[in-house]
Amino acid sequence: MTAHHDPARLYAITELADEVGATPRAIRFYEAKGLLAPQRAGSTRVYTYRDRARLLIILRGKRLGFSLALIQKYLELYDADPSRRVQLPHLLSGARQRIAELEAQRADLEVTLDELREIEQLTLDAMRQMGVPPPADGA
């Protein structure tokens, strides 16, 4: 990602994609979902610095596991409330919910790993009792 911070700059879709590390296809998808609304210069999409900022928010939200609906709600609040008085509590609530989801997933993964390790050990013990050597690669 390069450091272009010129608010007057306009981007073609491939320039914006390169700038933020996304694909043009992903950008078109977010546009189709109503998350981005680029201007048009003829048939060419032209993205503003604001579109770039919105795309970075979208990409970060997706990376953190937020749904597109939640990201869209956040962007709507961002547009409607420049003071961010409504947006920030909404963001906090979404972050806390996502933390809880990830903590639950981590607990589930730990249980699954414990069960698999037990199966691994039982299998190795059974193989030893039968005189079958374990595979050299651990598989």
Protein backbone atom coordinates (compact mmCIF):
# COMPACT_ATOMS: atom_id res chain seq x y z
CA MET A 1 0.00 0.00 0.00
CA THR A 2 1.45 3.37 -0.98
CA ALA A 3 1.11 6.57 0.97
CA HIS A 4 -1.00 8.78 -1.30
CA HIS A 5 -2.90 11.14 0.97
CA ASP A 6 -4.03 13.75 -1.54
CA PRO A 7 -7.73 14.41 -0.89
CA ALA A 8 -8.13 15.79 -4.44
CA ARG A 9 -6.75 12.66 -6.09
CA LEU A 10 -9.01 10.53 -8.28
CA TYR A 11 -8.40 6.83 -8.85
CA ALA A 12 -9.25 4.46 -11.65
CA ILE A 13 -10.45 1.08 -10.37
CA THR A 14 -7.09 -0.64 -10.99
CA GLU A 15 -5.19 2.20 -9.31
CA LEU A 16 -7.44 2.01 -6.28
CA ALA A 17 -7.16 -1.76 -6.17
CA ASP A 18 -3.35 -1.56 -6.27
CA GLU A 19 -3.35 1.24 -3.68
CA VAL A 20 -5.31 -0.72 -1.07
CA GLY A 21 -4.33 -4.28 -1.93
CA ALA A 22 -7.71 -5.38 -3.25
CA THR A 23 -8.86 -6.66 -6.61
CA PRO A 24 -10.97 -4.69 -9.08
CA ARG A 25 -13.50 -7.52 -8.83
CA ALA A 26 -13.79 -7.02 -5.05
CA ILE A 27 -14.26 -3.28 -5.53
CA ARG A 28 -17.00 -3.87 -8.09
CA PHE A 29 -18.63 -6.32 -5.66
CA TYR A 30 -18.67 -3.71 -2.87
CA GLU A 31 -20.07 -1.22 -5.35
CA ALA A 32 -22.85 -3.66 -6.33
CA LYS A 33 -23.66 -4.11 -2.62
CA GLY A 34 -24.05 -0.34 -2.23
CA LEU A 35 -20.98 0.13 -0.05
CA LEU A 36 -19.18 2.24 -2.64
CA ALA A 37 -20.66 4.72 -5.13
CA PRO A 38 -17.94 5.95 -7.46
CA GLN A 39 -18.43 8.79 -9.87
CA ARG A 40 -18.41 8.10 -13.59
CA ALA A 41 -16.31 9.71 -16.28
CA GLY A 42 -18.09 8.28 -19.30
CA SER A 43 -18.06 4.53 -18.72
CA THR A 44 -15.04 4.66 -16.40
CA ARG A 45 -15.44 4.43 -12.65
CA VAL A 46 -13.63 7.25 -10.87
CA TYR A 47 -12.99 6.86 -7.16
CA THR A 48 -12.33 9.74 -4.80
CA TYR A 49 -10.20 9.92 -1.69
CA ARG A 50 -13.44 9.41 0.28
CA ASP A 51 -14.14 6.22 -1.69
CA ARG A 52 -10.60 5.08 -0.86
CA ALA A 53 -11.23 5.70 2.84
CA ARG A 54 -14.54 3.82 2.70
CA LEU A 55 -12.87 0.90 0.92
CA LEU A 56 -10.18 0.72 3.61
CA ILE A 57 -12.92 0.58 6.26
CA ILE A 58 -14.70 -2.17 4.31
CA LEU A 59 -11.52 -4.22 3.90
CA ARG A 60 -10.62 -3.85 7.56
CA GLY A 61 -14.13 -4.82 8.61
CA LYS A 62 -14.02 -7.94 6.42
CA ARG A 63 -10.56 -8.85 7.72
CA LEU A 64 -11.92 -8.61 11.27
CA GLY A 65 -14.85 -10.85 10.36
CA PHE A 66 -17.67 -8.29 10.30
CA SER A 67 -20.61 -8.93 7.98
CA LEU A 68 -21.22 -6.65 5.03
CA ALA A 69 -24.52 -5.61 6.66
CA LEU A 70 -22.70 -4.46 9.79
CA ILE A 71 -20.05 -2.67 7.74
CA GLN A 72 -22.79 -0.95 5.73
CA LYS A 73 -24.54 0.19 8.93
CA TYR A 74 -21.25 1.56 10.22
CA LEU A 75 -20.64 3.45 6.96
CA GLU A 76 -24.18 4.86 7.04
CA LEU A 77 -23.64 6.11 10.57
CA TYR A 78 -20.29 7.56 9.52
CA ASP A 79 -21.99 9.51 6.72
CA ALA A 80 -24.92 10.64 8.86
CA ASP A 81 -22.97 11.63 11.97
CA PRO A 82 -19.68 13.48 11.38
CA SER A 83 -19.31 13.91 15.17
CA ARG A 84 -19.22 10.09 15.45
CA ARG A 85 -21.32 10.20 18.65
CA VAL A 86 -23.63 7.46 17.31
CA GLN A 87 -20.99 5.66 15.26
CA LEU A 88 -18.51 5.00 18.07
CA PRO A 89 -20.91 3.15 20.40
CA HIS A 90 -22.08 1.10 17.41
CA LEU A 91 -18.47 0.24 16.58
CA LEU A 92 -17.77 -0.68 20.20
CA SER A 93 -20.81 -2.96 20.30
CA GLY A 94 -19.77 -4.67 17.06
CA ALA A 95 -16.20 -5.12 18.27
CA ARG A 96 -17.34 -6.62 21.57
CA GLN A 97 -19.68 -9.00 19.77
CA ARG A 98 -16.91 -10.10 17.41
CA ILE A 99 -14.51 -10.60 20.34
CA ALA A 100 -17.09 -12.83 22.03
CA GLU A 101 -17.56 -14.83 18.82
CA LEU A 102 -13.82 -15.31 18.39
CA GLU A 103 -13.36 -16.29 22.04
CA ALA A 104 -16.08 -18.93 21.62
CA GLN A 105 -14.39 -20.20 18.45
CA ARG A 106 -11.07 -20.38 20.27
CA ALA A 107 -12.67 -22.42 23.07
CA ASP A 108 -14.22 -24.76 20.48
CA LEU A 109 -10.85 -25.13 18.76
CA GLU A 110 -9.15 -26.00 22.04
CA VAL A 111 -11.73 -28.73 22.72
CA THR A 112 -11.31 -30.09 19.19
CA LEU A 113 -7.51 -30.06 19.46
CA ASP A 114 -7.66 -31.86 22.81
CA GLU A 115 -9.94 -34.54 21.32
CA LEU A 116 -7.67 -34.98 18.29
CA ARG A 117 -4.58 -35.26 20.49
CA GLU A 118 -6.34 -37.93 22.55
CA ILE A 119 -7.27 -39.84 19.36
CA GLU A 120 -3.68 -39.49 18.17
CA GLN A 121 -2.32 -40.90 21.43
CA LEU A 122 -4.83 -43.77 21.55
CA THR A 123 -3.97 -44.63 17.95
CA LEU A 124 -0.22 -44.58 18.64
CA ASP A 125 -0.72 -46.77 21.72
CA ALA A 126 -2.80 -49.27 19.70
CA MET A 127 -0.20 -49.31 16.93
CA ARG A 128 2.59 -49.95 19.47
CA GLN A 129 0.64 -52.82 21.03
CA MET A 130 0.18 -54.36 17.57
CA GLY A 131 3.85 -53.85 16.68
CA VAL A 132 3.02 -51.40 13.87
CA PRO A 133 5.59 -48.62 13.65
CA PRO A 134 4.20 -45.09 13.38
CA PRO A 135 4.76 -43.35 10.04
CA ALA A 136 8.10 -41.53 9.84
CA ASP A 137 6.54 -38.21 8.80
CA GLY A 138 4.11 -38.19 11.71
CA ALA A 139 1.15 -38.54 9.32
